[in-house]
Amino acid sequence: MSAITLYGIKNCDTVKKARRWLDDNGIPYHFHDVRTDGLDAARVDAWLQELGLDLINRRSTSWKALDEQTRDALNVDNARDVILAQPTLIKRPLLDAGGVRHVGFKPAEYQALLKA
């Protein structure tokens, strides 16, 4: 398995649960804080191509803070710029295990994905 990167923010409870699960299962990973480490356009483009608008957390405070026009007009073609301006819009955590990307955290899903 290739290197695993977990994208999120440090103070997110779901990210904390995912990190704890990875640690408890002895799975090495790199944590990338989207708020402090930022994101690059190529990575966001690849995520959008694979995940579509499922990448966006429509229940987040970042989403609710967007103006209505931006929310209504959001599509796969313009989402990159919105995400780059507000990286906390992505669903957290985002697990990148090389050949597979997964948003959110449920232990059974991680178990299946990572065969831990």
Protein backbone atom coordinates (compact mmCIF):
# COMPACT_ATOMS: atom_id res chain seq x y z
CA MET A 1 0.00 0.00 0.00
CA SER A 2 1.28 3.45 -0.82
CA ALA A 3 1.70 6.20 1.73
CA ILE A 4 -1.47 7.37 3.42
CA THR A 5 -2.31 11.03 3.91
CA LEU A 6 -5.18 12.16 6.08
CA TYR A 7 -6.49 15.64 5.25
CA GLY A 8 -8.47 17.63 7.77
CA ILE A 9 -8.16 20.16 10.58
CA LYS A 10 -6.70 19.46 14.00
CA ASN A 11 -9.72 20.50 16.06
CA CYS A 12 -12.33 18.49 14.11
CA ASP A 13 -13.77 15.69 16.28
CA THR A 14 -14.23 13.33 13.32
CA VAL A 15 -10.62 13.88 12.23
CA LYS A 16 -9.51 13.13 15.79
CA LYS A 17 -11.46 9.85 15.72
CA ALA A 18 -9.92 8.87 12.38
CA ARG A 19 -6.41 9.68 13.60
CA ARG A 20 -6.98 7.69 16.78
CA TRP A 21 -8.26 4.73 14.73
CA LEU A 22 -5.22 4.83 12.42
CA ASP A 23 -2.88 5.07 15.43
CA ASP A 24 -4.66 2.27 17.31
CA ASN A 25 -4.41 0.02 14.23
CA GLY A 26 -0.73 0.77 13.69
CA ILE A 27 -1.31 2.31 10.27
CA PRO A 28 1.34 4.91 9.41
CA TYR A 29 0.03 8.09 7.84
CA HIS A 30 0.86 11.73 7.29
CA PHE A 31 -1.58 14.33 8.64
CA HIS A 32 -2.12 17.37 6.40
CA ASP A 33 -3.96 20.24 8.08
CA VAL A 34 -5.86 21.96 5.27
CA ARG A 35 -6.18 25.14 7.29
CA THR A 36 -2.48 25.59 8.09
CA ASP A 37 -0.81 23.59 5.28
CA GLY A 38 -3.24 24.69 2.56
CA LEU A 39 -4.17 22.87 -0.63
CA ASP A 40 -2.94 23.05 -4.21
CA ALA A 41 -5.11 23.36 -7.30
CA ALA A 42 -3.96 20.09 -8.91
CA ARG A 43 -4.87 18.06 -5.83
CA VAL A 44 -8.30 19.69 -5.51
CA ASP A 45 -8.92 19.13 -9.24
CA ALA A 46 -8.10 15.42 -8.85
CA TRP A 47 -10.40 15.11 -5.84
CA LEU A 48 -13.24 16.85 -7.67
CA GLN A 49 -12.75 14.62 -10.69
CA GLU A 50 -12.95 11.52 -8.51
CA LEU A 51 -15.45 12.57 -5.83
CA GLY A 52 -17.43 15.34 -7.53
CA LEU A 53 -19.36 17.65 -5.23
CA ASP A 54 -19.42 14.91 -2.56
CA LEU A 55 -16.11 16.55 -1.61
CA ILE A 56 -18.04 19.55 -0.22
CA ASN A 57 -19.31 19.49 3.36
CA ARG A 58 -22.66 21.23 3.05
CA ARG A 59 -23.22 21.04 6.81
CA SER A 60 -20.05 22.93 7.74
CA THR A 61 -19.90 26.43 9.12
CA SER A 62 -17.66 27.29 6.15
CA TRP A 63 -20.49 26.29 3.78
CA LYS A 64 -23.05 28.26 5.76
CA ALA A 65 -20.76 31.30 5.71
CA LEU A 66 -20.70 31.36 1.90
CA ASP A 67 -23.07 33.81 0.28
CA GLU A 68 -26.19 32.30 -1.23
CA GLN A 69 -25.14 33.13 -4.79
CA THR A 70 -21.87 31.18 -4.40
CA ARG A 71 -23.65 28.19 -2.85
CA ASP A 72 -26.35 28.14 -5.55
CA ALA A 73 -23.84 28.46 -8.42
CA LEU A 74 -21.36 25.87 -7.10
CA ASN A 75 -20.54 23.10 -9.56
CA VAL A 76 -17.60 20.81 -10.33
CA ASP A 77 -16.16 23.40 -12.72
CA ASN A 78 -15.99 26.29 -10.25
CA ALA A 79 -15.65 24.44 -6.93
CA ARG A 80 -11.84 24.39 -7.04
CA ASP A 81 -11.52 28.15 -6.57
CA VAL A 82 -14.06 28.14 -3.75
CA ILE A 83 -12.25 25.26 -1.99
CA LEU A 84 -8.84 26.88 -2.42
CA ALA A 85 -10.22 30.06 -0.84
CA GLN A 86 -11.95 28.07 1.95
CA PRO A 87 -10.13 24.71 2.42
CA THR A 88 -12.35 23.85 5.38
CA LEU A 89 -15.21 23.31 2.90
CA ILE A 90 -13.99 19.77 2.20
CA LYS A 91 -15.62 16.90 4.04
CA ARG A 92 -13.35 15.75 6.79
CA PRO A 93 -11.39 13.74 7.08
CA LEU A 94 -10.31 12.99 3.56
CA LEU A 95 -8.25 9.81 3.47
CA ASP A 96 -5.88 9.48 0.53
CA ALA A 97 -4.47 5.97 0.40
CA GLY A 98 -2.85 6.34 -3.00
CA GLY A 99 -5.28 4.43 -5.19
CA VAL A 100 -8.39 5.40 -3.23
CA ARG A 101 -9.79 8.54 -1.66
CA HIS A 102 -12.51 8.48 0.96
CA VAL A 103 -14.34 11.28 2.79
CA GLY A 104 -15.74 11.00 6.29
CA PHE A 105 -14.89 8.43 8.93
CA LYS A 106 -16.56 5.19 9.90
CA PRO A 107 -14.36 2.48 11.43
CA ALA A 108 -15.86 -0.30 9.29
CA GLU A 109 -15.18 1.67 6.10
CA TYR A 110 -11.57 2.32 7.09
CA GLN A 111 -11.23 -1.35 8.02
CA ALA A 112 -12.44 -2.39 4.56
CA LEU A 113 -10.37 0.21 2.71
CA LEU A 114 -7.15 -0.39 4.59
CA LYS A 115 -7.64 -4.07 5.44
CA ALA A 116 -6.31 -3.41 8.91
